[in-house]
């Protein structure tokens, strides 16, 4: 198959300078220079599909422009909703964001109507149950940030919707690692640690003798119902 070489081409504000190896997922990457003078490493697909068009300065300009229109990011009136909006875009569009690999790096995008207009996102949020203690969640964890795929839920609920959630079954009962940890009174990391050692679900639960009491209580509730 013919290899695609993007060196010398321009994508948005980015000029491709040279090839730069591959990322941890084996995707070809390029060193690019932004019109603002910064350099950035971008995966080939991100350039070709238009996902990454600057070093991040373009989004900063959009954010700055949006803030003058709605006022939600002024220091005295810093909106929790606007912070959620800003971070949603950063993790999808800015390769320098620490969470980018799990979002933009996987092809997750923010729909154009939200990306281009904070007011549209804000109206959707207010019409769909937004409250300060809630966080935005994608119903399909492999889908984009868009009205039909998003909702407002608590952090605990979001934990159960993570794409890498671990499910364990013991004596016919299946729950996530997070749900089991709450029932057992332990940290989820204790279960994840044993799971990484490739133990069977039965062997994992043998490390937690309180499971017998938990099961008895659960079955007692079922019988009462």
N, C-alpha and C. Protein backbone atom coordinates (compact mmCIF):
# COMPACT_ATOMS: atom_id res chain seq x y z
N UNK A 1 0.84 -1.19 0.00
CA UNK A 1 0.00 0.00 0.00
C UNK A 1 0.88 1.25 0.00
N UNK A 2 0.53 2.23 -0.81
CA UNK A 2 1.33 3.43 -0.93
C UNK A 2 1.32 4.22 0.37
N UNK A 3 2.51 4.61 0.83
CA UNK A 3 2.65 5.37 2.07
C UNK A 3 2.32 6.84 1.82
N UNK A 4 1.54 7.44 2.67
CA UNK A 4 1.18 8.85 2.54
C UNK A 4 2.22 9.69 3.28
N UNK A 5 2.78 10.66 2.60
CA UNK A 5 3.76 11.56 3.22
C UNK A 5 3.19 12.97 3.20
N UNK A 6 3.03 13.55 4.37
CA UNK A 6 2.39 14.86 4.48
C UNK A 6 3.38 16.01 4.60
N UNK A 7 4.67 15.72 4.58
CA UNK A 7 5.69 16.76 4.76
C UNK A 7 5.52 17.84 3.70
N UNK A 8 5.52 19.10 4.15
CA UNK A 8 5.39 20.24 3.25
C UNK A 8 3.96 20.70 3.04
N UNK A 9 2.99 19.89 3.49
CA UNK A 9 1.59 20.27 3.31
C UNK A 9 1.11 21.14 4.47
N UNK A 10 0.04 21.91 4.22
CA UNK A 10 -0.51 22.82 5.22
C UNK A 10 -1.91 22.35 5.59
N UNK A 11 -2.15 22.25 6.90
CA UNK A 11 -3.46 21.85 7.41
C UNK A 11 -3.91 22.89 8.43
N UNK A 12 -4.88 23.71 8.03
CA UNK A 12 -5.28 24.79 8.92
C UNK A 12 -4.13 25.74 9.13
N UNK A 13 -3.71 25.87 10.38
CA UNK A 13 -2.57 26.73 10.70
C UNK A 13 -1.26 25.97 10.79
N UNK A 14 -1.30 24.67 10.53
CA UNK A 14 -0.13 23.82 10.73
C UNK A 14 0.58 23.49 9.42
N UNK A 15 1.89 23.75 9.40
CA UNK A 15 2.74 23.35 8.28
C UNK A 15 3.52 22.12 8.72
N UNK A 16 3.42 21.03 7.97
CA UNK A 16 4.10 19.79 8.32
C UNK A 16 5.59 19.92 7.98
N UNK A 17 6.44 19.79 9.00
CA UNK A 17 7.88 19.97 8.82
C UNK A 17 8.58 18.65 8.53
N UNK A 18 8.26 17.62 9.31
CA UNK A 18 8.96 16.34 9.13
C UNK A 18 8.18 15.21 9.79
N UNK A 19 8.51 13.98 9.42
CA UNK A 19 7.94 12.83 10.10
C UNK A 19 8.53 12.77 11.50
N UNK A 20 7.75 12.22 12.45
CA UNK A 20 8.21 12.21 13.84
C UNK A 20 7.91 10.87 14.52
N UNK A 21 8.09 9.77 13.78
CA UNK A 21 7.90 8.44 14.36
C UNK A 21 6.44 8.07 14.49
N UNK A 22 6.15 7.26 15.49
CA UNK A 22 4.78 6.80 15.73
C UNK A 22 4.43 6.95 17.21
N UNK A 23 3.15 7.12 17.50
CA UNK A 23 2.73 7.24 18.89
C UNK A 23 2.56 5.84 19.50
N UNK A 24 2.11 5.78 20.74
CA UNK A 24 2.02 4.49 21.44
C UNK A 24 0.99 3.55 20.82
N UNK A 25 0.09 4.11 20.00
CA UNK A 25 -0.89 3.28 19.31
C UNK A 25 -0.43 2.85 17.92
N UNK A 26 0.81 3.19 17.59
CA UNK A 26 1.37 2.80 16.31
C UNK A 26 0.99 3.71 15.16
N UNK A 27 0.37 4.86 15.46
CA UNK A 27 -0.04 5.79 14.42
C UNK A 27 1.11 6.71 14.02
N UNK A 28 1.26 6.96 12.74
CA UNK A 28 2.32 7.82 12.24
C UNK A 28 2.09 9.25 12.71
N UNK A 29 3.15 9.92 13.14
CA UNK A 29 3.04 11.30 13.62
C UNK A 29 3.98 12.22 12.85
N UNK A 30 3.65 13.51 12.87
CA UNK A 30 4.44 14.51 12.18
C UNK A 30 4.74 15.70 13.10
N UNK A 31 5.92 16.29 12.90
CA UNK A 31 6.26 17.53 13.59
C UNK A 31 5.75 18.67 12.74
N UNK A 32 4.94 19.54 13.34
CA UNK A 32 4.32 20.63 12.60
C UNK A 32 4.64 21.98 13.24
N UNK A 33 4.69 23.01 12.40
CA UNK A 33 4.87 24.37 12.92
C UNK A 33 3.59 25.14 12.70
N UNK A 34 3.12 25.77 13.77
CA UNK A 34 1.89 26.54 13.73
C UNK A 34 2.19 27.96 13.24
N UNK A 35 1.19 28.61 12.69
CA UNK A 35 1.35 29.99 12.23
C UNK A 35 1.79 30.91 13.34
N UNK A 36 1.46 30.55 14.60
CA UNK A 36 1.83 31.40 15.73
C UNK A 36 3.30 31.21 16.13
N UNK A 37 3.98 30.21 15.54
CA UNK A 37 5.40 29.98 15.82
C UNK A 37 5.68 28.75 16.65
N UNK A 38 4.67 28.21 17.33
CA UNK A 38 4.86 27.01 18.15
C UNK A 38 4.98 25.76 17.27
N UNK A 39 5.66 24.75 17.80
CA UNK A 39 5.72 23.46 17.11
C UNK A 39 4.94 22.44 17.92
N UNK A 40 4.42 21.43 17.23
CA UNK A 40 3.58 20.43 17.87
C UNK A 40 3.66 19.13 17.08
N UNK A 41 3.57 18.00 17.79
CA UNK A 41 3.55 16.70 17.12
C UNK A 41 2.10 16.25 17.00
N UNK A 42 1.71 15.89 15.77
CA UNK A 42 0.31 15.53 15.49
C UNK A 42 0.27 14.21 14.74
N UNK A 43 -0.69 13.37 15.08
CA UNK A 43 -0.83 12.11 14.34
C UNK A 43 -1.37 12.38 12.94
N UNK A 44 -1.00 11.53 12.00
CA UNK A 44 -1.36 11.70 10.59
C UNK A 44 -2.86 11.86 10.40
N UNK A 45 -3.64 10.99 11.03
CA UNK A 45 -5.09 11.04 10.85
C UNK A 45 -5.67 12.37 11.35
N UNK A 46 -5.13 12.87 12.45
CA UNK A 46 -5.61 14.13 13.01
C UNK A 46 -5.45 15.28 12.04
N UNK A 47 -4.38 15.25 11.24
CA UNK A 47 -4.17 16.29 10.23
C UNK A 47 -5.12 16.10 9.06
N UNK A 48 -5.18 14.87 8.55
CA UNK A 48 -5.94 14.61 7.32
C UNK A 48 -7.44 14.78 7.49
N UNK A 49 -7.96 14.50 8.68
CA UNK A 49 -9.41 14.61 8.88
C UNK A 49 -9.82 15.99 9.41
N UNK A 50 -8.82 16.86 9.67
CA UNK A 50 -9.14 18.20 10.14
C UNK A 50 -9.35 18.29 11.63
N UNK A 51 -9.04 17.22 12.34
CA UNK A 51 -9.24 17.19 13.79
C UNK A 51 -8.32 18.18 14.50
N UNK A 52 -7.06 18.30 14.03
CA UNK A 52 -6.11 19.22 14.64
C UNK A 52 -5.67 20.23 13.60
N UNK A 53 -5.95 21.51 13.86
CA UNK A 53 -5.66 22.56 12.88
C UNK A 53 -4.72 23.63 13.40
N UNK A 54 -4.31 23.50 14.67
CA UNK A 54 -3.37 24.46 15.24
C UNK A 54 -2.70 23.82 16.44
N UNK A 55 -1.81 24.56 17.08
CA UNK A 55 -1.14 24.05 18.28
C UNK A 55 -2.03 24.15 19.50
N UNK A 56 -3.21 24.71 19.32
CA UNK A 56 -4.11 24.97 20.43
C UNK A 56 -4.50 26.44 20.49
N UNK A 57 -3.77 27.26 19.73
CA UNK A 57 -4.03 28.70 19.76
C UNK A 57 -5.38 29.05 19.14
N UNK A 58 -5.81 28.26 18.15
CA UNK A 58 -7.09 28.52 17.51
C UNK A 58 -8.23 28.39 18.51
N UNK A 59 -8.17 27.33 19.33
CA UNK A 59 -9.23 27.13 20.31
C UNK A 59 -9.19 28.21 21.39
N UNK A 60 -7.98 28.65 21.75
CA UNK A 60 -7.86 29.73 22.74
C UNK A 60 -8.52 31.00 22.22
N UNK A 61 -8.34 31.27 20.93
CA UNK A 61 -8.96 32.45 20.34
C UNK A 61 -10.47 32.33 20.33
N UNK A 62 -10.97 31.11 20.00
CA UNK A 62 -12.41 30.89 20.01
C UNK A 62 -12.98 31.06 21.41
N UNK A 63 -12.23 30.54 22.39
CA UNK A 63 -12.67 30.65 23.78
C UNK A 63 -12.71 32.10 24.23
N UNK A 64 -11.67 32.84 23.86
CA UNK A 64 -11.60 34.25 24.22
C UNK A 64 -12.75 35.02 23.60
N UNK A 65 -13.02 34.72 22.33
CA UNK A 65 -14.12 35.39 21.63
C UNK A 65 -15.46 35.05 22.27
N UNK A 66 -15.62 33.78 22.63
CA UNK A 66 -16.88 33.37 23.26
C UNK A 66 -17.08 34.06 24.60
N UNK A 67 -15.99 34.24 25.35
CA UNK A 67 -16.11 34.83 26.69
C UNK A 67 -16.58 36.27 26.63
N UNK A 68 -16.22 36.98 25.55
CA UNK A 68 -16.66 38.36 25.44
C UNK A 68 -18.15 38.45 25.13
N UNK A 69 -18.73 37.34 24.61
CA UNK A 69 -20.13 37.34 24.24
C UNK A 69 -21.03 36.94 25.40
N UNK A 70 -20.60 35.96 26.21
CA UNK A 70 -21.49 35.46 27.26
C UNK A 70 -21.04 35.81 28.67
N UNK A 71 -19.77 36.19 28.86
CA UNK A 71 -19.28 36.64 30.16
C UNK A 71 -19.11 35.57 31.20
N UNK A 72 -19.30 34.28 30.86
CA UNK A 72 -19.27 33.22 31.87
C UNK A 72 -17.87 32.90 32.36
N UNK A 73 -16.82 33.34 31.67
CA UNK A 73 -15.48 32.99 32.15
C UNK A 73 -14.75 34.18 32.76
N UNK A 74 -15.46 35.30 32.97
CA UNK A 74 -14.83 36.40 33.68
C UNK A 74 -14.52 35.96 35.10
N UNK A 75 -13.40 36.45 35.63
CA UNK A 75 -12.92 35.97 36.93
C UNK A 75 -13.98 36.09 38.02
N UNK A 76 -14.71 37.17 38.04
CA UNK A 76 -15.69 37.37 39.10
C UNK A 76 -16.94 36.50 38.91
N UNK A 77 -17.14 36.06 37.70
CA UNK A 77 -18.36 35.29 37.42
C UNK A 77 -17.99 33.98 36.73
N UNK A 78 -16.92 33.35 37.20
CA UNK A 78 -16.41 32.14 36.54
C UNK A 78 -17.45 31.03 36.66
N UNK A 79 -17.94 30.60 35.52
CA UNK A 79 -19.01 29.62 35.47
C UNK A 79 -18.47 28.20 35.50
N UNK A 80 -19.04 27.38 36.38
CA UNK A 80 -18.67 25.97 36.42
C UNK A 80 -19.06 25.30 35.11
N UNK A 81 -20.17 25.71 34.53
CA UNK A 81 -20.61 25.16 33.25
C UNK A 81 -19.61 25.51 32.16
N UNK A 82 -19.15 26.75 32.15
CA UNK A 82 -18.19 27.15 31.12
C UNK A 82 -16.88 26.37 31.27
N UNK A 83 -16.47 26.09 32.50
CA UNK A 83 -15.25 25.29 32.73
C UNK A 83 -15.43 23.89 32.16
N UNK A 84 -16.61 23.30 32.34
CA UNK A 84 -16.87 21.98 31.77
C UNK A 84 -16.82 22.03 30.24
N UNK A 85 -17.38 23.09 29.69
CA UNK A 85 -17.37 23.28 28.23
C UNK A 85 -15.93 23.39 27.72
N UNK A 86 -15.15 24.20 28.38
CA UNK A 86 -13.77 24.44 27.96
C UNK A 86 -12.95 23.15 28.02
N UNK A 87 -13.07 22.39 29.09
CA UNK A 87 -12.30 21.16 29.24
C UNK A 87 -12.79 20.06 28.29
N UNK A 88 -14.09 20.05 27.99
CA UNK A 88 -14.61 19.11 27.01
C UNK A 88 -13.91 19.32 25.67
N UNK A 89 -13.76 20.57 25.27
CA UNK A 89 -13.12 20.88 23.99
C UNK A 89 -11.63 20.61 24.04
N UNK A 90 -10.98 20.97 25.14
CA UNK A 90 -9.54 20.75 25.25
C UNK A 90 -9.18 19.28 25.12
N UNK A 91 -9.92 18.39 25.82
CA UNK A 91 -9.53 16.98 25.79
C UNK A 91 -9.81 16.33 24.44
N UNK A 92 -10.64 16.99 23.62
CA UNK A 92 -10.90 16.45 22.28
C UNK A 92 -10.02 17.09 21.21
N UNK A 93 -9.59 18.34 21.42
CA UNK A 93 -8.92 19.08 20.36
C UNK A 93 -7.47 19.46 20.64
N UNK A 94 -7.03 19.35 21.87
CA UNK A 94 -5.69 19.82 22.19
C UNK A 94 -4.78 18.65 22.57
N UNK A 95 -3.86 18.26 21.69
CA UNK A 95 -2.95 17.14 21.98
C UNK A 95 -2.09 17.35 23.21
N UNK A 96 -1.97 18.60 23.66
CA UNK A 96 -1.18 18.88 24.86
C UNK A 96 -1.96 18.62 26.15
N UNK A 97 -3.25 18.39 26.03
CA UNK A 97 -4.08 18.09 27.19
C UNK A 97 -3.75 16.68 27.69
N UNK A 98 -3.62 16.51 29.01
CA UNK A 98 -3.21 15.21 29.56
C UNK A 98 -4.23 14.11 29.27
N UNK A 99 -5.49 14.47 29.02
CA UNK A 99 -6.53 13.47 28.75
C UNK A 99 -6.78 13.25 27.26
N UNK A 100 -5.99 13.91 26.42
CA UNK A 100 -6.26 13.87 24.98
C UNK A 100 -6.27 12.45 24.42
N UNK A 101 -5.35 11.60 24.85
CA UNK A 101 -5.25 10.23 24.31
C UNK A 101 -6.55 9.45 24.48
N UNK A 102 -7.30 9.74 25.56
CA UNK A 102 -8.54 9.01 25.83
C UNK A 102 -9.75 9.63 25.14
N UNK A 103 -9.55 10.79 24.52
CA UNK A 103 -10.67 11.48 23.87
C UNK A 103 -10.32 11.78 22.41
N UNK A 104 -9.73 12.95 22.14
CA UNK A 104 -9.35 13.28 20.77
C UNK A 104 -8.46 12.24 20.14
N UNK A 105 -7.58 11.65 20.94
CA UNK A 105 -6.68 10.62 20.43
C UNK A 105 -7.41 9.36 20.00
N UNK A 106 -8.63 9.15 20.50
CA UNK A 106 -9.45 8.01 20.09
C UNK A 106 -10.47 8.39 19.02
N UNK A 107 -10.42 9.66 18.59
CA UNK A 107 -11.36 10.09 17.57
C UNK A 107 -12.63 10.71 18.10
N UNK A 108 -12.71 10.93 19.43
CA UNK A 108 -13.89 11.56 20.02
C UNK A 108 -13.88 13.05 19.68
N UNK A 109 -15.01 13.58 19.22
CA UNK A 109 -15.10 14.98 18.82
C UNK A 109 -16.24 15.70 19.54
N UNK A 110 -16.18 17.02 19.50
CA UNK A 110 -17.29 17.86 19.96
C UNK A 110 -18.05 18.29 18.71
N UNK A 111 -19.36 18.11 18.71
CA UNK A 111 -20.15 18.45 17.52
C UNK A 111 -19.97 19.92 17.16
N UNK A 112 -20.13 20.23 15.89
CA UNK A 112 -19.85 21.57 15.38
C UNK A 112 -20.73 22.63 16.04
N UNK A 113 -21.99 22.31 16.29
CA UNK A 113 -22.88 23.32 16.85
C UNK A 113 -22.46 23.74 18.26
N UNK A 114 -21.84 22.84 19.02
CA UNK A 114 -21.32 23.20 20.34
C UNK A 114 -19.94 23.83 20.23
N UNK A 115 -19.11 23.27 19.36
CA UNK A 115 -17.75 23.77 19.21
C UNK A 115 -17.74 25.23 18.79
N UNK A 116 -18.68 25.60 17.93
CA UNK A 116 -18.70 26.95 17.38
C UNK A 116 -19.44 27.96 18.23
N UNK A 117 -20.23 27.48 19.20
CA UNK A 117 -21.09 28.43 19.92
C UNK A 117 -21.38 27.95 21.35
N UNK A 118 -20.74 28.56 22.32
CA UNK A 118 -20.97 28.20 23.72
C UNK A 118 -22.42 28.42 24.13
N UNK A 119 -23.04 29.45 23.58
CA UNK A 119 -24.43 29.75 23.96
C UNK A 119 -25.36 28.58 23.60
N UNK A 120 -25.09 27.93 22.46
CA UNK A 120 -25.89 26.78 22.06
C UNK A 120 -25.70 25.64 23.05
N UNK A 121 -24.45 25.41 23.46
CA UNK A 121 -24.18 24.37 24.45
C UNK A 121 -24.86 24.71 25.78
N UNK A 122 -24.76 25.95 26.18
CA UNK A 122 -25.35 26.38 27.46
C UNK A 122 -26.86 26.19 27.45
N UNK A 123 -27.51 26.52 26.34
CA UNK A 123 -28.95 26.35 26.25
C UNK A 123 -29.33 24.88 26.36
N UNK A 124 -28.56 24.00 25.67
CA UNK A 124 -28.81 22.57 25.77
C UNK A 124 -28.66 22.10 27.21
N UNK A 125 -27.60 22.56 27.87
CA UNK A 125 -27.33 22.15 29.25
C UNK A 125 -28.48 22.53 30.18
N UNK A 126 -28.95 23.76 30.06
CA UNK A 126 -30.03 24.24 30.93
C UNK A 126 -31.35 23.52 30.65
N UNK A 127 -31.53 23.12 29.40
CA UNK A 127 -32.76 22.42 29.03
C UNK A 127 -32.72 20.94 29.40
N UNK A 128 -31.54 20.45 29.80
CA UNK A 128 -31.39 19.01 30.03
C UNK A 128 -30.87 18.68 31.43
N UNK A 129 -31.27 19.50 32.39
CA UNK A 129 -31.04 19.14 33.78
C UNK A 129 -29.69 19.49 34.38
N UNK A 130 -28.96 20.44 33.80
CA UNK A 130 -27.65 20.79 34.35
C UNK A 130 -27.78 21.35 35.77
N UNK A 131 -26.91 20.86 36.67
CA UNK A 131 -26.75 21.40 38.01
C UNK A 131 -25.26 21.41 38.32
N UNK A 132 -24.83 22.27 39.25
CA UNK A 132 -23.41 22.47 39.52
C UNK A 132 -22.67 21.19 39.90
N UNK A 133 -23.34 20.27 40.60
CA UNK A 133 -22.66 19.07 41.10
C UNK A 133 -22.59 17.96 40.06
N UNK A 134 -23.20 18.17 38.90
CA UNK A 134 -23.23 17.13 37.87
C UNK A 134 -22.09 17.29 36.86
N UNK A 135 -21.81 16.23 36.13
CA UNK A 135 -20.77 16.25 35.11
C UNK A 135 -21.34 15.73 33.80
N UNK A 136 -20.79 16.20 32.68
CA UNK A 136 -21.31 15.78 31.38
C UNK A 136 -20.80 14.38 31.07
N UNK A 137 -21.68 13.55 30.53
CA UNK A 137 -21.36 12.14 30.28
C UNK A 137 -21.87 11.74 28.90
N UNK A 138 -21.04 10.97 28.17
CA UNK A 138 -21.48 10.44 26.88
C UNK A 138 -22.16 9.08 27.09
N UNK A 139 -23.36 8.94 26.62
CA UNK A 139 -24.13 7.70 26.79
C UNK A 139 -23.41 6.54 26.10
N UNK A 140 -23.02 6.77 24.84
CA UNK A 140 -22.15 5.83 24.12
C UNK A 140 -20.73 6.32 24.33
N UNK A 141 -19.94 5.59 25.11
CA UNK A 141 -18.61 6.07 25.48
C UNK A 141 -17.66 6.12 24.30
N UNK A 142 -18.04 5.56 23.17
CA UNK A 142 -17.23 5.66 21.95
C UNK A 142 -17.79 6.70 20.98
N UNK A 143 -18.86 7.38 21.40
CA UNK A 143 -19.49 8.39 20.56
C UNK A 143 -18.99 9.78 20.87
N UNK A 144 -19.46 10.75 20.12
CA UNK A 144 -19.00 12.13 20.25
C UNK A 144 -19.79 12.91 21.31
N UNK A 145 -19.30 14.09 21.62
CA UNK A 145 -20.04 15.02 22.46
C UNK A 145 -21.05 15.73 21.56
N UNK A 146 -22.31 15.36 21.68
CA UNK A 146 -23.38 15.94 20.88
C UNK A 146 -24.69 15.76 21.64
N UNK A 147 -25.70 16.57 21.33
CA UNK A 147 -26.94 16.56 22.13
C UNK A 147 -27.55 15.20 22.36
N UNK A 148 -27.62 14.36 21.34
CA UNK A 148 -28.30 13.07 21.48
C UNK A 148 -27.47 12.03 22.22
N UNK A 149 -26.20 12.33 22.48
CA UNK A 149 -25.33 11.34 23.13
C UNK A 149 -24.81 11.81 24.48
N UNK A 150 -25.37 12.90 25.00
CA UNK A 150 -24.86 13.43 26.27
C UNK A 150 -25.96 13.62 27.30
N UNK A 151 -25.58 13.60 28.55
CA UNK A 151 -26.50 13.78 29.66
C UNK A 151 -25.70 14.31 30.84
N UNK A 152 -26.40 14.75 31.88
CA UNK A 152 -25.76 15.23 33.11
C UNK A 152 -25.97 14.21 34.21
N UNK A 153 -24.87 13.69 34.79
CA UNK A 153 -24.96 12.68 35.85
C UNK A 153 -23.93 12.99 36.92
N UNK A 154 -23.99 12.26 38.04
CA UNK A 154 -23.01 12.43 39.10
C UNK A 154 -21.71 11.73 38.72
N UNK A 155 -20.64 12.06 39.42
CA UNK A 155 -19.34 11.42 39.17
C UNK A 155 -19.41 9.92 39.41
N UNK A 156 -20.16 9.51 40.43
CA UNK A 156 -20.29 8.08 40.74
C UNK A 156 -20.97 7.34 39.59
N UNK A 157 -22.01 7.96 39.03
CA UNK A 157 -22.71 7.35 37.90
C UNK A 157 -21.81 7.29 36.67
N UNK A 158 -20.99 8.32 36.49
CA UNK A 158 -20.10 8.34 35.34
C UNK A 158 -19.05 7.24 35.44
N UNK A 159 -18.63 6.95 36.65
CA UNK A 159 -17.64 5.89 36.85
C UNK A 159 -18.13 4.57 36.27
N UNK A 160 -19.43 4.33 36.39
CA UNK A 160 -19.99 3.07 35.89
C UNK A 160 -20.19 3.07 34.37
N UNK A 161 -19.88 4.21 33.73
CA UNK A 161 -20.03 4.28 32.28
C UNK A 161 -18.68 4.37 31.56
N UNK A 162 -17.61 4.21 32.32
CA UNK A 162 -16.28 4.30 31.72
C UNK A 162 -16.07 3.16 30.71
N UNK A 163 -15.37 3.48 29.61
CA UNK A 163 -15.18 2.48 28.55
C UNK A 163 -14.32 1.32 29.02
N UNK A 164 -13.48 1.55 30.07
CA UNK A 164 -12.60 0.48 30.54
C UNK A 164 -13.12 -0.15 31.83
N UNK A 165 -14.42 -0.05 32.08
CA UNK A 165 -14.97 -0.60 33.31
C UNK A 165 -14.75 -2.10 33.37
N UNK A 166 -14.49 -2.58 34.58
CA UNK A 166 -14.25 -4.00 34.80
C UNK A 166 -15.48 -4.61 35.45
N UNK A 167 -16.02 -5.65 34.85
CA UNK A 167 -17.18 -6.35 35.41
C UNK A 167 -16.72 -7.67 36.02
N UNK A 168 -17.27 -8.00 37.20
CA UNK A 168 -16.95 -9.25 37.87
C UNK A 168 -18.26 -9.95 38.25
N UNK A 169 -18.23 -11.28 38.13
CA UNK A 169 -19.41 -12.08 38.47
C UNK A 169 -19.05 -13.04 39.59
N UNK A 170 -19.85 -13.04 40.64
CA UNK A 170 -19.61 -13.95 41.77
C UNK A 170 -20.94 -14.55 42.19
N UNK A 171 -21.01 -15.87 42.16
CA UNK A 171 -22.22 -16.60 42.52
C UNK A 171 -23.45 -16.07 41.80
N UNK A 172 -23.27 -15.83 40.52
CA UNK A 172 -24.39 -15.44 39.67
C UNK A 172 -24.74 -13.97 39.68
N UNK A 173 -23.99 -13.16 40.44
CA UNK A 173 -24.27 -11.73 40.52
C UNK A 173 -23.16 -10.96 39.80
N UNK A 174 -23.52 -10.14 38.84
CA UNK A 174 -22.55 -9.37 38.07
C UNK A 174 -22.68 -7.88 38.38
N UNK A 175 -21.55 -7.27 38.72
CA UNK A 175 -21.50 -5.84 39.00
C UNK A 175 -20.15 -5.30 38.54
N UNK A 176 -20.05 -3.97 38.43
CA UNK A 176 -18.77 -3.36 38.08
C UNK A 176 -17.85 -3.41 39.29
N UNK A 177 -16.56 -3.22 39.03
CA UNK A 177 -15.58 -3.19 40.12
C UNK A 177 -15.92 -2.07 41.10
N UNK A 178 -16.39 -0.95 40.57
CA UNK A 178 -16.76 0.18 41.42
C UNK A 178 -17.93 -0.18 42.33
N UNK A 179 -18.92 -0.86 41.77
CA UNK A 179 -20.09 -1.25 42.57
C UNK A 179 -19.72 -2.28 43.63
N UNK A 180 -18.90 -3.29 43.24
CA UNK A 180 -18.46 -4.28 44.22
C UNK A 180 -17.66 -3.64 45.34
N UNK A 181 -16.79 -2.69 44.99
CA UNK A 181 -15.93 -2.06 46.00
C UNK A 181 -16.76 -1.33 47.06
N UNK A 182 -17.85 -0.69 46.62
CA UNK A 182 -18.71 -0.01 47.58
C UNK A 182 -19.39 -1.01 48.51
N UNK A 183 -19.85 -2.12 47.96
CA UNK A 183 -20.50 -3.15 48.78
C UNK A 183 -19.53 -3.77 49.78
N UNK A 184 -18.26 -3.94 49.35
CA UNK A 184 -17.26 -4.59 50.20
C UNK A 184 -16.56 -3.62 51.14
N UNK A 185 -16.76 -2.32 50.91
CA UNK A 185 -16.10 -1.32 51.75
C UNK A 185 -14.61 -1.22 51.48
N UNK A 186 -14.22 -1.37 50.21
CA UNK A 186 -12.81 -1.29 49.84
C UNK A 186 -12.66 -0.30 48.68
N UNK A 187 -11.39 0.00 48.33
CA UNK A 187 -11.14 0.86 47.19
C UNK A 187 -11.19 0.05 45.89
N UNK A 188 -11.70 0.63 44.81
CA UNK A 188 -11.74 -0.09 43.53
C UNK A 188 -10.36 -0.56 43.09
N UNK A 189 -9.32 0.19 43.47
CA UNK A 189 -7.97 -0.17 43.06
C UNK A 189 -7.56 -1.56 43.57
N UNK A 190 -8.14 -1.99 44.70
CA UNK A 190 -7.81 -3.31 45.24
C UNK A 190 -8.31 -4.41 44.29
N UNK A 191 -9.47 -4.19 43.69
CA UNK A 191 -10.01 -5.15 42.73
C UNK A 191 -9.24 -5.09 41.42
N UNK A 192 -8.96 -3.85 40.95
CA UNK A 192 -8.22 -3.70 39.70
C UNK A 192 -6.85 -4.38 39.79
N UNK A 193 -6.21 -4.26 40.96
CA UNK A 193 -4.89 -4.86 41.16
C UNK A 193 -4.95 -6.39 40.98
N UNK A 194 -5.93 -7.01 41.61
CA UNK A 194 -6.07 -8.47 41.51
C UNK A 194 -6.48 -8.89 40.10
N UNK A 195 -7.29 -8.07 39.45
CA UNK A 195 -7.72 -8.38 38.09
C UNK A 195 -6.52 -8.35 37.14
N UNK A 196 -5.62 -7.39 37.35
CA UNK A 196 -4.43 -7.30 36.51
C UNK A 196 -3.52 -8.50 36.68
N UNK A 197 -3.63 -9.20 37.80
CA UNK A 197 -2.83 -10.41 38.04
C UNK A 197 -3.46 -11.62 37.38
N UNK A 198 -4.54 -11.37 36.63
CA UNK A 198 -5.24 -12.39 35.84
C UNK A 198 -5.86 -13.49 36.70
N UNK A 199 -6.30 -13.11 37.89
CA UNK A 199 -7.02 -14.06 38.73
C UNK A 199 -8.46 -14.19 38.23
N UNK A 200 -9.06 -15.33 38.48
CA UNK A 200 -10.46 -15.50 38.13
C UNK A 200 -11.30 -14.67 39.09
N UNK A 201 -12.55 -14.43 38.73
CA UNK A 201 -13.42 -13.64 39.60
C UNK A 201 -13.58 -14.33 40.96
N UNK A 202 -13.73 -15.66 40.96
CA UNK A 202 -13.88 -16.38 42.22
C UNK A 202 -12.65 -16.20 43.10
N UNK A 203 -11.46 -16.28 42.50
CA UNK A 203 -10.22 -16.11 43.26
C UNK A 203 -10.08 -14.69 43.81
N UNK A 204 -10.55 -13.73 43.04
CA UNK A 204 -10.49 -12.34 43.51
C UNK A 204 -11.32 -12.17 44.77
N UNK A 205 -12.53 -12.71 44.76
CA UNK A 205 -13.41 -12.51 45.91
C UNK A 205 -12.97 -13.30 47.14
N UNK A 206 -12.11 -14.31 46.96
CA UNK A 206 -11.58 -15.04 48.11
C UNK A 206 -10.67 -14.15 48.96
N UNK A 207 -10.21 -13.05 48.38
CA UNK A 207 -9.38 -12.10 49.14
C UNK A 207 -10.22 -11.21 50.05
N UNK A 208 -11.53 -11.28 49.90
CA UNK A 208 -12.40 -10.39 50.68
C UNK A 208 -13.44 -11.22 51.42
N UNK A 209 -13.14 -11.68 52.63
CA UNK A 209 -14.05 -12.55 53.38
C UNK A 209 -15.42 -11.92 53.66
N UNK A 210 -15.48 -10.58 53.61
CA UNK A 210 -16.75 -9.91 53.86
C UNK A 210 -17.78 -10.14 52.76
N UNK A 211 -17.34 -10.79 51.67
CA UNK A 211 -18.26 -11.05 50.56
C UNK A 211 -19.43 -11.93 51.00
N UNK A 212 -19.17 -12.85 51.94
CA UNK A 212 -20.24 -13.74 52.41
C UNK A 212 -21.36 -12.93 53.07
N UNK A 213 -20.98 -11.98 53.89
CA UNK A 213 -21.97 -11.15 54.56
C UNK A 213 -22.70 -10.26 53.55
N UNK A 214 -21.95 -9.73 52.58
CA UNK A 214 -22.56 -8.89 51.55
C UNK A 214 -23.60 -9.66 50.75
N UNK A 215 -23.25 -10.89 50.35
CA UNK A 215 -24.18 -11.71 49.57
C UNK A 215 -25.43 -12.07 50.38
N UNK A 216 -25.20 -12.41 51.65
CA UNK A 216 -26.34 -12.76 52.51
C UNK A 216 -27.30 -11.59 52.64
N UNK A 217 -26.73 -10.40 52.78
CA UNK A 217 -27.57 -9.21 52.90
C UNK A 217 -28.32 -8.93 51.59
N UNK A 218 -27.61 -9.06 50.46
CA UNK A 218 -28.24 -8.83 49.17
C UNK A 218 -29.39 -9.82 48.93
N UNK A 219 -29.15 -11.08 49.25
CA UNK A 219 -30.18 -12.08 49.03
C UNK A 219 -31.34 -11.94 50.01
N UNK A 220 -31.02 -11.42 51.20
CA UNK A 220 -32.08 -11.16 52.17
C UNK A 220 -33.02 -10.07 51.69
N UNK A 221 -32.41 -9.05 51.04
CA UNK A 221 -33.23 -7.97 50.49
C UNK A 221 -34.11 -8.49 49.37
N UNK A 222 -33.53 -9.35 48.52
CA UNK A 222 -34.29 -9.92 47.40
C UNK A 222 -35.47 -10.74 47.91
N UNK A 223 -35.24 -11.54 48.98
CA UNK A 223 -36.30 -12.37 49.54
C UNK A 223 -37.40 -11.53 50.15
N UNK A 224 -37.00 -10.41 50.80
CA UNK A 224 -38.00 -9.54 51.40
C UNK A 224 -38.90 -8.92 50.35
N UNK A 225 -38.30 -8.66 49.17
CA UNK A 225 -39.10 -8.07 48.10
C UNK A 225 -40.04 -9.09 47.49
